C-alpha atoms as a PDB file:
ATOM      1  CA  UNK A   1     -76.975  34.170   7.749  1.00  0.00           C
ATOM      2  CA  UNK A   2     -78.999  31.411   6.168  1.00  0.00           C
ATOM      3  CA  UNK A   3     -79.751  31.434   2.478  1.00  0.00           C
ATOM      4  CA  UNK A   4     -83.244  32.359   1.363  1.00  0.00           C
ATOM      5  CA  UNK A   5     -83.882  28.905  -0.134  1.00  0.00           C
ATOM      6  CA  UNK A   6     -83.249  27.246   3.247  1.00  0.00           C
ATOM      7  CA  UNK A   7     -85.577  29.673   5.025  1.00  0.00           C
ATOM      8  CA  UNK A   8     -88.252  29.160   2.388  1.00  0.00           C
ATOM      9  CA  UNK A   9     -87.901  25.374   2.546  1.00  0.00           C
ATOM     10  CA  UNK A  10     -88.187  25.379   6.342  1.00  0.00           C
ATOM     11  CA  UNK A  11     -91.205  27.684   6.099  1.00  0.00           C
ATOM     12  CA  UNK A  12     -92.992  25.310   3.729  1.00  0.00           C
ATOM     13  CA  UNK A  13     -92.138  22.387   6.007  1.00  0.00           C
ATOM     14  CA  UNK A  14     -93.551  24.272   9.014  1.00  0.00           C
ATOM     15  CA  UNK A  15     -96.683  25.142   7.052  1.00  0.00           C
ATOM     16  CA  UNK A  16     -97.221  21.507   6.061  1.00  0.00           C
ATOM     17  CA  UNK A  17     -96.738  20.373   9.666  1.00  0.00           C
ATOM     18  CA  UNK A  18     -99.617  22.656  10.682  1.00  0.00           C
ATOM     19  CA  UNK A  19    -101.506  22.238   7.406  1.00  0.00           C
ATOM     20  CA  UNK A  20    -104.948  21.428   8.832  1.00  0.00           C
ATOM     21  CA  UNK A  21    -104.976  24.370  11.238  1.00  0.00           C
ATOM     22  CA  UNK A  22    -103.431  26.916   8.875  1.00  0.00           C
ATOM     23  CA  UNK A  23    -105.693  26.030   5.952  1.00  0.00           C
ATOM     24  CA  UNK A  24    -108.819  26.038   8.089  1.00  0.00           C
ATOM     25  CA  UNK A  25    -108.775  28.563  10.928  1.00  0.00           C
ATOM     26  CA  UNK A  26    -105.958  30.864   9.829  1.00  0.00           C
ATOM     27  CA  UNK A  27    -107.021  30.925   6.177  1.00  0.00           C
ATOM     28  CA  UNK A  28    -110.681  31.469   7.076  1.00  0.00           C
ATOM     29  CA  UNK A  29    -109.695  34.367   9.327  1.00  0.00           C
ATOM     30  CA  UNK A  30    -107.828  35.945   6.399  1.00  0.00           C
ATOM     31  CA  UNK A  31    -110.623  35.206   3.892  1.00  0.00           C
ATOM     32  CA  UNK A  32    -112.580  38.492   4.369  1.00  0.00           C
ATOM     33  CA  UNK A  33    -109.342  40.460   3.989  1.00  0.00           C
ATOM     34  CA  UNK A  34    -108.479  38.612   0.770  1.00  0.00           C
ATOM     35  CA  UNK A  35    -111.965  39.156  -0.602  1.00  0.00           C
ATOM     36  CA  UNK A  36    -111.774  42.872   0.191  1.00  0.00           C
ATOM     37  CA  UNK A  37    -108.445  43.185  -1.647  1.00  0.00           C
ATOM     38  CA  UNK A  38    -109.620  41.447  -4.820  1.00  0.00           C
ATOM     39  CA  UNK A  39    -113.083  43.000  -4.891  1.00  0.00           C
ATOM     40  CA  UNK A  40    -111.687  46.492  -4.265  1.00  0.00           C
ATOM     41  CA  UNK A  41    -109.354  46.093  -7.228  1.00  0.00           C
ATOM     42  CA  UNK A  42    -112.288  45.013  -9.369  1.00  0.00           C
ATOM     43  CA  UNK A  43    -114.276  48.083  -8.313  1.00  0.00           C
ATOM     44  CA  UNK A  44    -111.467  50.643  -8.549  1.00  0.00           C
ATOM     45  CA  UNK A  45    -109.121  49.706 -11.373  1.00  0.00           C
ATOM     46  CA  UNK A  46    -111.343  49.024 -14.403  1.00  0.00           C
ATOM     47  CA  UNK A  47    -113.181  52.351 -14.452  1.00  0.00           C
ATOM     48  CA  UNK A  48    -112.360  55.273 -12.233  1.00  0.00           C
ATOM     49  CA  UNK A  49    -115.798  56.760 -12.896  1.00  0.00           C
ATOM     50  CA  UNK A  50    -117.411  53.999 -10.839  1.00  0.00           C
ATOM     51  CA  UNK A  51    -115.708  55.324  -7.715  1.00  0.00           C
ATOM     52  CA  UNK A  52    -115.566  59.003  -6.874  1.00  0.00           C
ATOM     53  CA  UNK A  53    -112.709  58.399  -4.444  1.00  0.00           C
ATOM     54  CA  UNK A  54    -110.034  57.441  -6.976  1.00  0.00           C
ATOM     55  CA  UNK A  55    -110.355  60.469  -9.309  1.00  0.00           C
ATOM     56  CA  UNK A  56    -110.558  62.751  -6.277  1.00  0.00           C
ATOM     57  CA  UNK A  57    -107.294  61.420  -4.862  1.00  0.00           C
ATOM     58  CA  UNK A  58    -105.684  61.510  -8.309  1.00  0.00           C
ATOM     59  CA  UNK A  59    -106.668  65.156  -8.783  1.00  0.00           C
ATOM     60  CA  UNK A  60    -105.422  66.120  -5.314  1.00  0.00           C
ATOM     61  CA  UNK A  61    -102.056  64.452  -5.877  1.00  0.00           C
ATOM     62  CA  UNK A  62    -101.766  65.990  -9.333  1.00  0.00           C
ATOM     63  CA  UNK A  63    -102.374  69.446  -7.865  1.00  0.00           C
ATOM     64  CA  UNK A  64     -99.830  68.724  -5.137  1.00  0.00           C
ATOM     65  CA  UNK A  65     -97.159  67.668  -7.645  1.00  0.00           C
ATOM     66  CA  UNK A  66     -97.965  70.717  -9.754  1.00  0.00           C
ATOM     67  CA  UNK A  67     -97.630  73.062  -6.764  1.00  0.00           C
ATOM     68  CA  UNK A  68     -94.325  71.410  -5.796  1.00  0.00           C
ATOM     69  CA  UNK A  69     -92.884  72.222  -9.199  1.00  0.00           C
ATOM     70  CA  UNK A  70     -92.576  68.714 -10.581  1.00  0.00           C
ATOM     71  CA  UNK A  71     -92.516  68.724 -14.412  1.00  0.00           C
ATOM     72  CA  UNK A  72     -95.711  67.642 -16.179  1.00  0.00           C
ATOM     73  CA  UNK A  73     -93.635  66.276 -19.052  1.00  0.00           C
ATOM     74  CA  UNK A  74     -92.207  63.515 -16.847  1.00  0.00           C
ATOM     75  CA  UNK A  75     -93.955  60.165 -17.293  1.00  0.00           C
ATOM     76  CA  UNK A  76     -92.568  59.105 -13.923  1.00  0.00           C
ATOM     77  CA  UNK A  77     -94.853  61.409 -11.955  1.00  0.00           C
ATOM     78  CA  UNK A  78     -97.881  60.510 -14.089  1.00  0.00           C
ATOM     79  CA  UNK A  79     -97.382  56.798 -13.404  1.00  0.00           C
ATOM     80  CA  UNK A  80     -96.495  57.480  -9.769  1.00  0.00           C
ATOM     81  CA  UNK A  81     -99.630  59.578  -9.298  1.00  0.00           C
ATOM     82  CA  UNK A  82    -101.796  56.823 -10.752  1.00  0.00           C
ATOM     83  CA  UNK A  83    -100.205  54.092  -8.616  1.00  0.00           C
ATOM     84  CA  UNK A  84    -100.364  56.174  -5.448  1.00  0.00           C
ATOM     85  CA  UNK A  85    -104.020  56.992  -6.076  1.00  0.00           C
ATOM     86  CA  UNK A  86    -104.859  53.327  -6.535  1.00  0.00           C
ATOM     87  CA  UNK A  87    -102.866  52.321  -3.444  1.00  0.00           C
ATOM     88  CA  UNK A  88    -104.504  54.953  -1.248  1.00  0.00           C
ATOM     89  CA  UNK A  89    -107.972  54.043  -2.519  1.00  0.00           C
ATOM     90  CA  UNK A  90    -107.347  50.337  -1.881  1.00  0.00           C
ATOM     91  CA  UNK A  91    -105.994  51.083   1.597  1.00  0.00           C
ATOM     92  CA  UNK A  92    -109.105  53.072   2.492  1.00  0.00           C
ATOM     93  CA  UNK A  93    -111.496  50.400   1.193  1.00  0.00           C
ATOM     94  CA  UNK A  94    -109.681  47.513   2.869  1.00  0.00           C
ATOM     95  CA  UNK A  95    -108.678  49.250   6.112  1.00  0.00           C
ATOM     96  CA  UNK A  96    -111.502  47.784   8.284  1.00  0.00           C
ATOM     97  CA  UNK A  97    -110.671  44.256   7.100  1.00  0.00           C
ATOM     98  CA  UNK A  98    -106.937  44.839   7.522  1.00  0.00           C
ATOM     99  CA  UNK A  99    -107.274  46.026  11.108  1.00  0.00           C
ATOM    100  CA  UNK A 100    -109.471  43.062  12.046  1.00  0.00           C
ATOM    101  CA  UNK A 101    -109.255  39.862  10.002  1.00  0.00           C
ATOM    102  CA  UNK A 102    -105.729  40.370   8.639  1.00  0.00           C
ATOM    103  CA  UNK A 103    -104.218  41.058  12.068  1.00  0.00           C
ATOM    104  CA  UNK A 104    -106.208  38.250  13.695  1.00  0.00           C
ATOM    105  CA  UNK A 105    -104.951  35.799  11.079  1.00  0.00           C
ATOM    106  CA  UNK A 106    -101.374  36.883  11.714  1.00  0.00           C
ATOM    107  CA  UNK A 107    -101.942  36.603  15.469  1.00  0.00           C
ATOM    108  CA  UNK A 108    -103.204  33.035  15.031  1.00  0.00           C
ATOM    109  CA  UNK A 109    -100.152  31.966  13.017  1.00  0.00           C
ATOM    110  CA  UNK A 110     -97.706  33.696  15.374  1.00  0.00           C
ATOM    111  CA  UNK A 111     -99.353  32.191  18.443  1.00  0.00           C
ATOM    112  CA  UNK A 112     -99.337  28.733  16.837  1.00  0.00           C
ATOM    113  CA  UNK A 113     -95.600  28.850  16.056  1.00  0.00           C
ATOM    114  CA  UNK A 114     -94.423  30.556  19.256  1.00  0.00           C
ATOM    115  CA  UNK A 115     -96.623  28.778  21.784  1.00  0.00           C
ATOM    116  CA  UNK A 116     -94.701  26.925  24.538  1.00  0.00           C
ATOM    117  CA  UNK A 117     -96.991  23.937  23.862  1.00  0.00           C
ATOM    118  CA  UNK A 118     -96.793  23.260  20.105  1.00  0.00           C
ATOM    119  CA  UNK A 119     -99.335  20.442  20.291  1.00  0.00           C
ATOM    120  CA  UNK A 120    -102.061  22.713  21.629  1.00  0.00           C
ATOM    121  CA  UNK A 121    -103.959  25.051  19.342  1.00  0.00           C
ATOM    122  CA  UNK A 122    -104.162  28.744  20.297  1.00  0.00           C
ATOM    123  CA  UNK A 123    -107.312  29.800  22.070  1.00  0.00           C
ATOM    124  CA  UNK A 124    -109.329  32.855  21.161  1.00  0.00           C
ATOM    125  CA  UNK A 125    -108.145  34.707  24.284  1.00  0.00           C
ATOM    126  CA  UNK A 126    -104.485  34.058  23.438  1.00  0.00           C
ATOM    127  CA  UNK A 127    -105.056  35.367  19.903  1.00  0.00           C
ATOM    128  CA  UNK A 128    -106.694  38.507  21.268  1.00  0.00           C
ATOM    129  CA  UNK A 129    -103.727  39.035  23.598  1.00  0.00           C
ATOM    130  CA  UNK A 130    -101.537  39.507  20.501  1.00  0.00           C
ATOM    131  CA  UNK A 131    -103.958  41.851  18.789  1.00  0.00           C
ATOM    132  CA  UNK A 132    -102.982  44.992  20.722  1.00  0.00           C
ATOM    133  CA  UNK A 133     -99.228  44.869  19.936  1.00  0.00           C
ATOM    134  CA  UNK A 134     -99.962  43.980  16.312  1.00  0.00           C
ATOM    135  CA  UNK A 135    -102.462  46.834  16.006  1.00  0.00           C
ATOM    136  CA  UNK A 136    -100.089  49.402  17.525  1.00  0.00           C
ATOM    137  CA  UNK A 137     -97.199  48.212  15.355  1.00  0.00           C
ATOM    138  CA  UNK A 138     -99.366  48.354  12.239  1.00  0.00           C
ATOM    139  CA  UNK A 139    -100.222  51.982  12.989  1.00  0.00           C
ATOM    140  CA  UNK A 140     -96.526  52.782  13.525  1.00  0.00           C
ATOM    141  CA  UNK A 141     -95.691  50.990  10.273  1.00  0.00           C
ATOM    142  CA  UNK A 142     -98.257  53.085   8.418  1.00  0.00           C
ATOM    143  CA  UNK A 143     -96.660  56.251   9.758  1.00  0.00           C
ATOM    144  CA  UNK A 144     -93.227  54.947   8.769  1.00  0.00           C
ATOM    145  CA  UNK A 145     -94.377  54.235   5.207  1.00  0.00           C
ATOM    146  CA  UNK A 146     -95.923  57.703   5.039  1.00  0.00           C
ATOM    147  CA  UNK A 147     -92.671  59.239   6.305  1.00  0.00           C
ATOM    148  CA  UNK A 148     -90.609  57.294   3.766  1.00  0.00           C
ATOM    149  CA  UNK A 149     -92.799  58.554   0.906  1.00  0.00           C
ATOM    150  CA  UNK A 150     -92.621  62.112   2.210  1.00  0.00           C
ATOM    151  CA  UNK A 151     -88.821  61.914   2.485  1.00  0.00           C
ATOM    152  CA  UNK A 152     -88.382  60.727  -1.112  1.00  0.00           C
ATOM    153  CA  UNK A 153     -90.769  63.363  -2.444  1.00  0.00           C
ATOM    154  CA  UNK A 154     -88.929  66.061  -0.478  1.00  0.00           C
ATOM    155  CA  UNK A 155     -85.592  64.993  -1.964  1.00  0.00           C
ATOM    156  CA  UNK A 156     -87.093  64.957  -5.453  1.00  0.00           C
ATOM    157  CA  UNK A 157     -88.659  68.373  -4.824  1.00  0.00           C
ATOM    158  CA  UNK A 158     -85.289  69.898  -3.935  1.00  0.00           C
ATOM    159  CA  UNK A 159     -83.530  68.132  -6.818  1.00  0.00           C
ATOM    160  CA  UNK A 160     -85.987  69.302  -9.495  1.00  0.00           C
ATOM    161  CA  UNK A 161     -86.181  72.844  -8.167  1.00  0.00           C
ATOM    162  CA  UNK A 162     -82.390  73.193  -7.842  1.00  0.00           C
ATOM    163  CA  UNK A 163     -81.869  71.987 -11.404  1.00  0.00           C
ATOM    164  CA  UNK A 164     -84.635  74.256 -12.608  1.00  0.00           C
ATOM    165  CA  UNK A 165     -83.008  77.193 -10.816  1.00  0.00           C
ATOM    166  CA  UNK A 166     -79.695  76.375 -12.504  1.00  0.00           C
ATOM    167  CA  UNK A 167     -81.467  76.196 -15.896  1.00  0.00           C
ATOM    168  CA  UNK A 168     -80.802  72.463 -16.269  1.00  0.00           C
ATOM    169  CA  UNK A 169     -84.330  71.721 -17.463  1.00  0.00           C
ATOM    170  CA  UNK A 170     -83.673  69.974 -20.748  1.00  0.00           C
ATOM    171  CA  UNK A 171     -85.729  66.852 -21.586  1.00  0.00           C
ATOM    172  CA  UNK A 172     -82.683  64.600 -21.162  1.00  0.00           C
ATOM    173  CA  UNK A 173     -81.981  66.026 -17.700  1.00  0.00           C
ATOM    174  CA  UNK A 174     -85.599  65.614 -16.635  1.00  0.00           C
ATOM    175  CA  UNK A 175     -85.608  62.038 -17.963  1.00  0.00           C
ATOM    176  CA  UNK A 176     -82.389  61.148 -16.125  1.00  0.00           C
ATOM    177  CA  UNK A 177     -83.592  62.665 -12.864  1.00  0.00           C
ATOM    178  CA  UNK A 178     -86.977  60.948 -13.202  1.00  0.00           C
ATOM    179  CA  UNK A 179     -85.298  57.584 -13.751  1.00  0.00           C
ATOM    180  CA  UNK A 180     -83.033  58.184 -10.747  1.00  0.00           C
ATOM    181  CA  UNK A 181     -86.072  59.149  -8.680  1.00  0.00           C
ATOM    182  CA  UNK A 182     -87.884  55.966  -9.710  1.00  0.00           C
ATOM    183  CA  UNK A 183     -84.910  53.829  -8.631  1.00  0.00           C
ATOM    184  CA  UNK A 184     -84.546  55.715  -5.342  1.00  0.00           C
ATOM    185  CA  UNK A 185     -88.263  55.480  -4.601  1.00  0.00           C
ATOM    186  CA  UNK A 186     -88.325  51.728  -5.331  1.00  0.00           C
ATOM    187  CA  UNK A 187     -85.329  51.049  -3.073  1.00  0.00           C
ATOM    188  CA  UNK A 188     -86.654  53.123  -0.182  1.00  0.00           C
ATOM    189  CA  UNK A 189     -90.177  51.691  -0.430  1.00  0.00           C
ATOM    190  CA  UNK A 190     -88.955  48.078  -0.694  1.00  0.00           C
ATOM    191  CA  UNK A 191     -86.707  48.448   2.371  1.00  0.00           C
ATOM    192  CA  UNK A 192     -89.490  50.146   4.313  1.00  0.00           C
ATOM    193  CA  UNK A 193     -92.086  47.474   3.518  1.00  0.00           C
ATOM    194  CA  UNK A 194     -89.691  44.651   4.413  1.00  0.00           C
ATOM    195  CA  UNK A 195     -88.832  46.314   7.708  1.00  0.00           C
ATOM    196  CA  UNK A 196     -92.509  46.867   8.488  1.00  0.00           C
ATOM    197  CA  UNK A 197     -93.379  43.217   7.807  1.00  0.00           C
ATOM    198  CA  UNK A 198     -90.553  42.060  10.071  1.00  0.00           C
ATOM    199  CA  UNK A 199     -91.593  44.534  12.790  1.00  0.00           C
ATOM    200  CA  UNK A 200     -95.189  43.288  12.673  1.00  0.00           C
ATOM    201  CA  UNK A 201     -94.122  39.680  13.188  1.00  0.00           C
ATOM    202  CA  UNK A 202     -91.544  40.653  15.822  1.00  0.00           C
ATOM    203  CA  UNK A 203     -94.144  42.548  17.846  1.00  0.00           C
ATOM    204  CA  UNK A 204     -96.322  39.431  17.976  1.00  0.00           C
ATOM    205  CA  UNK A 205     -93.430  37.154  18.886  1.00  0.00           C
ATOM    206  CA  UNK A 206     -92.211  39.411  21.706  1.00  0.00           C
ATOM    207  CA  UNK A 207     -95.682  40.591  22.800  1.00  0.00           C
ATOM    208  CA  UNK A 208     -94.634  44.252  22.616  1.00  0.00           C
ATOM    209  CA  UNK A 209     -95.698  46.601  19.858  1.00  0.00           C
ATOM    210  CA  UNK A 210     -95.077  50.159  18.811  1.00  0.00           C
ATOM    211  CA  UNK A 211     -92.057  51.969  17.481  1.00  0.00           C
ATOM    212  CA  UNK A 212     -89.708  49.795  19.577  1.00  0.00           C
ATOM    213  CA  UNK A 213     -90.562  46.755  17.432  1.00  0.00           C
ATOM    214  CA  UNK A 214     -89.767  48.791  14.323  1.00  0.00           C
ATOM    215  CA  UNK A 215     -86.402  49.837  15.744  1.00  0.00           C
ATOM    216  CA  UNK A 216     -85.575  46.219  16.608  1.00  0.00           C
ATOM    217  CA  UNK A 217     -86.543  45.183  13.092  1.00  0.00           C
ATOM    218  CA  UNK A 218     -84.196  47.820  11.641  1.00  0.00           C
ATOM    219  CA  UNK A 219     -81.338  46.428  13.735  1.00  0.00           C
ATOM    220  CA  UNK A 220     -82.082  42.780  12.913  1.00  0.00           C
ATOM    221  CA  UNK A 221     -82.468  43.304   9.171  1.00  0.00           C
ATOM    222  CA  UNK A 222     -79.179  45.186   8.802  1.00  0.00           C
ATOM    223  CA  UNK A 223     -77.083  43.391   6.199  1.00  0.00           C
ATOM    224  CA  UNK A 224     -79.911  40.980   5.367  1.00  0.00           C
ATOM    225  CA  UNK A 225     -81.935  43.053   2.906  1.00  0.00           C
ATOM    226  CA  UNK A 226     -81.025  40.874  -0.083  1.00  0.00           C
ATOM    227  CA  UNK A 227     -82.286  37.759   1.700  1.00  0.00           C
ATOM    228  CA  UNK A 228     -85.528  39.501   2.650  1.00  0.00           C
ATOM    229  CA  UNK A 229     -86.063  40.657  -0.937  1.00  0.00           C
ATOM    230  CA  UNK A 230     -85.459  37.185  -2.338  1.00  0.00           C
ATOM    231  CA  UNK A 231     -88.034  35.805   0.126  1.00  0.00           C
ATOM    232  CA  UNK A 232     -90.632  38.478  -0.608  1.00  0.00           C
ATOM    233  CA  UNK A 233     -90.316  38.342  -4.403  1.00  0.00           C
ATOM    234  CA  UNK A 234     -91.832  34.873  -5.107  1.00  0.00           C
ATOM    235  CA  UNK A 235     -94.687  35.435  -2.647  1.00  0.00           C
ATOM    236  CA  UNK A 236     -95.568  38.831  -4.105  1.00  0.00           C
ATOM    237  CA  UNK A 237     -95.390  37.466  -7.639  1.00  0.00           C
ATOM    238  CA  UNK A 238     -97.765  34.652  -6.679  1.00  0.00           C
ATOM    239  CA  UNK A 239    -100.178  37.115  -5.064  1.00  0.00           C
ATOM    240  CA  UNK A 240    -100.040  39.265  -8.199  1.00  0.00           C
ATOM    241  CA  UNK A 241    -100.750  36.185 -10.312  1.00  0.00           C
ATOM    242  CA  UNK A 242    -103.855  35.409  -8.248  1.00  0.00           C
ATOM    243  CA  UNK A 243    -105.019  39.013  -8.593  1.00  0.00           C
ATOM    244  CA  UNK A 244    -104.594  38.774 -12.363  1.00  0.00           C
ATOM    245  CA  UNK A 245    -106.415  35.419 -12.361  1.00  0.00           C
ATOM    246  CA  UNK A 246    -109.365  36.970 -10.518  1.00  0.00           C
ATOM    247  CA  UNK A 247    -109.476  39.861 -12.976  1.00  0.00           C
ATOM    248  CA  UNK A 248    -109.410  37.491 -15.956  1.00  0.00           C
ATOM    249  CA  UNK A 249    -111.677  34.684 -14.756  1.00  0.00           C
ATOM    250  CA  UNK A 250    -114.263  36.608 -12.727  1.00  0.00           C
ATOM    251  CA  UNK A 251    -114.216  40.333 -13.500  1.00  0.00           C
ATOM    252  CA  UNK A 252    -113.757  39.890 -17.240  1.00  0.00           C
ATOM    253  CA  UNK A 253    -116.432  37.169 -17.377  1.00  0.00           C
ATOM    254  CA  UNK A 254    -118.837  39.407 -15.448  1.00  0.00           C
ATOM    255  CA  UNK A 255    -118.341  42.289 -17.908  1.00  0.00           C
ATOM    256  CA  UNK A 256    -118.825  39.930 -20.864  1.00  0.00           C
ATOM    257  CA  UNK A 257    -121.958  38.139 -19.609  1.00  0.00           C
ATOM    258  CA  UNK A 258    -123.346  40.948 -17.451  1.00  0.00           C
ATOM    259  CA  UNK A 259    -124.237  38.650 -14.558  1.00  0.00           C
ATOM    260  CA  UNK A 260    -122.701  36.422 -11.908  1.00  0.00           C
ATOM    261  CA  UNK A 261    -123.373  32.729 -12.299  1.00  0.00           C
ATOM    262  CA  UNK A 262    -123.017  30.101  -9.607  1.00  0.00           C
ATOM    263  CA  UNK A 263    -119.773  28.821 -11.175  1.00  0.00           C
ATOM    264  CA  UNK A 264    -118.305  32.326 -11.105  1.00  0.00           C
ATOM    265  CA  UNK A 265    -119.226  32.718  -7.453  1.00  0.00           C
ATOM    266  CA  UNK A 266    -117.603  29.397  -6.550  1.00  0.00           C
ATOM    267  CA  UNK A 267    -114.520  30.296  -8.573  1.00  0.00           C
ATOM    268  CA  UNK A 268    -114.322  33.644  -6.770  1.00  0.00           C
ATOM    269  CA  UNK A 269    -114.475  31.946  -3.372  1.00  0.00           C
ATOM    270  CA  UNK A 270    -111.741  29.523  -4.445  1.00  0.00           C
ATOM    271  CA  UNK A 271    -109.449  32.394  -5.502  1.00  0.00           C
ATOM    272  CA  UNK A 272    -110.195  34.212  -2.220  1.00  0.00           C
ATOM    273  CA  UNK A 273    -109.235  31.062  -0.326  1.00  0.00           C
ATOM    274  CA  UNK A 274    -105.990  30.574  -2.274  1.00  0.00           C
ATOM    275  CA  UNK A 275    -105.104  34.214  -1.641  1.00  0.00           C
ATOM    276  CA  UNK A 276    -105.732  33.674   2.096  1.00  0.00           C
ATOM    277  CA  UNK A 277    -103.439  30.645   2.145  1.00  0.00           C
ATOM    278  CA  UNK A 278    -100.678  32.738   0.583  1.00  0.00           C
ATOM    279  CA  UNK A 279    -101.218  35.395   3.257  1.00  0.00           C
ATOM    280  CA  UNK A 280    -100.750  32.679   5.890  1.00  0.00           C
ATOM    281  CA  UNK A 281     -97.616  31.349   4.153  1.00  0.00           C
ATOM    282  CA  UNK A 282     -96.228  34.889   4.001  1.00  0.00           C
ATOM    283  CA  UNK A 283     -96.633  35.159   7.777  1.00  0.00           C
ATOM    284  CA  UNK A 284     -94.874  31.817   8.295  1.00  0.00           C
ATOM    285  CA  UNK A 285     -91.982  32.922   6.063  1.00  0.00           C
ATOM    286  CA  UNK A 286     -91.646  36.187   7.980  1.00  0.00           C
ATOM    287  CA  UNK A 287     -91.546  34.289  11.288  1.00  0.00           C
ATOM    288  CA  UNK A 288     -88.817  31.958  10.015  1.00  0.00           C
ATOM    289  CA  UNK A 289     -86.878  34.900   8.638  1.00  0.00           C
ATOM    290  CA  UNK A 290     -87.227  36.762  11.949  1.00  0.00           C
ATOM    291  CA  UNK A 291     -85.849  33.767  13.850  1.00  0.00           C
ATOM    292  CA  UNK A 292     -82.966  33.498  11.391  1.00  0.00           C
ATOM    293  CA  UNK A 293     -82.208  37.209  11.851  1.00  0.00           C
ATOM    294  CA  UNK A 294     -82.236  36.806  15.631  1.00  0.00           C
ATOM    295  CA  UNK A 295     -79.829  33.864  15.478  1.00  0.00           C
ATOM    296  CA  UNK A 296     -77.581  35.707  13.040  1.00  0.00           C
ATOM    297  CA  UNK A 297     -77.601  38.802  15.237  1.00  0.00           C
ATOM    298  CA  UNK A 298     -76.573  36.777  18.309  1.00  0.00           C
ATOM    299  CA  UNK A 299     -73.766  35.099  16.349  1.00  0.00           C
ATOM    300  CA  UNK A 300     -72.527  38.489  15.147  1.00  0.00           C
ATOM    301  CA  UNK A 301     -72.549  39.829  18.703  1.00  0.00           C
ATOM    302  CA  UNK A 302     -70.607  36.801  19.976  1.00  0.00           C
ATOM    303  CA  UNK A 303     -68.031  37.190  17.211  1.00  0.00           C
ATOM    304  CA  UNK A 304     -67.595  40.860  18.052  1.00  0.00           C
ATOM    305  CA  UNK A 305     -67.144  40.069  21.738  1.00  0.00           C
ATOM    306  CA  UNK A 306     -64.642  37.304  20.974  1.00  0.00           C
ATOM    307  CA  UNK A 307     -62.824  39.595  18.551  1.00  0.00           C
ATOM    308  CA  UNK A 308     -62.657  42.344  21.169  1.00  0.00           C
ATOM    309  CA  UNK A 309     -61.271  39.900  23.747  1.00  0.00           C
ATOM    310  CA  UNK A 310     -58.675  38.621  21.283  1.00  0.00           C
ATOM    311  CA  UNK A 311     -57.728  42.206  20.541  1.00  0.00           C
ATOM    312  CA  UNK A 312     -57.287  42.931  24.249  1.00  0.00           C
ATOM    313  CA  UNK A 313     -55.074  39.862  24.614  1.00  0.00           C
ATOM    314  CA  UNK A 314     -52.990  40.949  21.640  1.00  0.00           C
ATOM    315  CA  UNK A 315     -52.670  44.437  23.123  1.00  0.00           C
ATOM    316  CA  UNK A 316     -51.549  42.982  26.448  1.00  0.00           C
ATOM    317  CA  UNK A 317     -48.966  40.772  24.727  1.00  0.00           C
ATOM    318  CA  UNK A 318     -47.650  43.624  22.616  1.00  0.00           C
ATOM    319  CA  UNK A 319     -47.492  45.885  25.660  1.00  0.00           C
ATOM    320  CA  UNK A 320     -45.616  43.225  27.626  1.00  0.00           C
ATOM    321  CA  UNK A 321     -43.149  42.735  24.746  1.00  0.00           C
ATOM    322  CA  UNK A 322     -42.572  46.494  24.497  1.00  0.00           C
ATOM    323  CA  UNK A 323     -41.977  46.718  28.240  1.00  0.00           C
ATOM    324  CA  UNK A 324     -39.526  43.810  28.067  1.00  0.00           C
ATOM    325  CA  UNK A 325     -37.621  45.490  25.235  1.00  0.00           C
ATOM    326  CA  UNK A 326     -37.379  48.671  27.285  1.00  0.00           C
ATOM    327  CA  UNK A 327     -35.961  46.757  30.207  1.00  0.00           C
ATOM    328  CA  UNK A 328     -33.263  45.264  27.980  1.00  0.00           C
ATOM    329  CA  UNK A 329     -32.046  48.704  26.875  1.00  0.00           C
ATOM    330  CA  UNK A 330     -28.835  49.527  28.864  1.00  0.00           C
END
């Protein structure tokens, strides 16, 4: 398996080879999605009173955690409730842009890098031909993420209720179990998101979407989670930095001055564009990582086959030697 630095370096090289197309068509396709992400954060995060959706989701989740028997004294569930409410609200606001512009941008990049004629640019019909498998896989990925969250919450529900039934409800026990739950939730969610990203790219490369692409991604990524995490970390940190930059330069300036000037509008468009370029680079990195996983999987299969053949030869030799020893016995 290749190291993450080699995959990242080859991804940047591939991006620069197709710089004009990726920074024009692909980035412009992702621009509405990027704008929806940043603007939704500006509308939702600063004041929950501005949106009736966020406090409603927060209250529903709080009631659900309360009915499940999770302790109110645990800071873990308070933070988790807040983050889940924000994530669900953002997903609802950005869903139309995700299902259209985000998937079309990914389809453009995938078609550009997997086309049998690299010199030719993908046509609109070829991009649309990839939309259906990407759309179906995205829906399956959403269900998988929902299932992963439900599984972790179910395990935490049983753990807290069993300890409560055994009278192990001291503050130190609750703190330890909350910390363990936070680690477990982070690991499960990170693995699920990485698998979903790989499945989305794989469905476009193989022109077949649905749960089968997710299963293939689970097989390909086996033993390569650390590489996937090291590839996803710098990209996600850069995206988070751009989100913070938008909050500081645009949202904060708007609240201070009370109006949007022309310079603020131009700066907003520039941040949207940079965010779109990072979305395109993320797709390129996932494609390179998928190809590396496929090559590594084929090498592993060949080594297993060669090992099995060598084992058969050794068995035949040992059996022949045993038979010869038996013949020598008077």
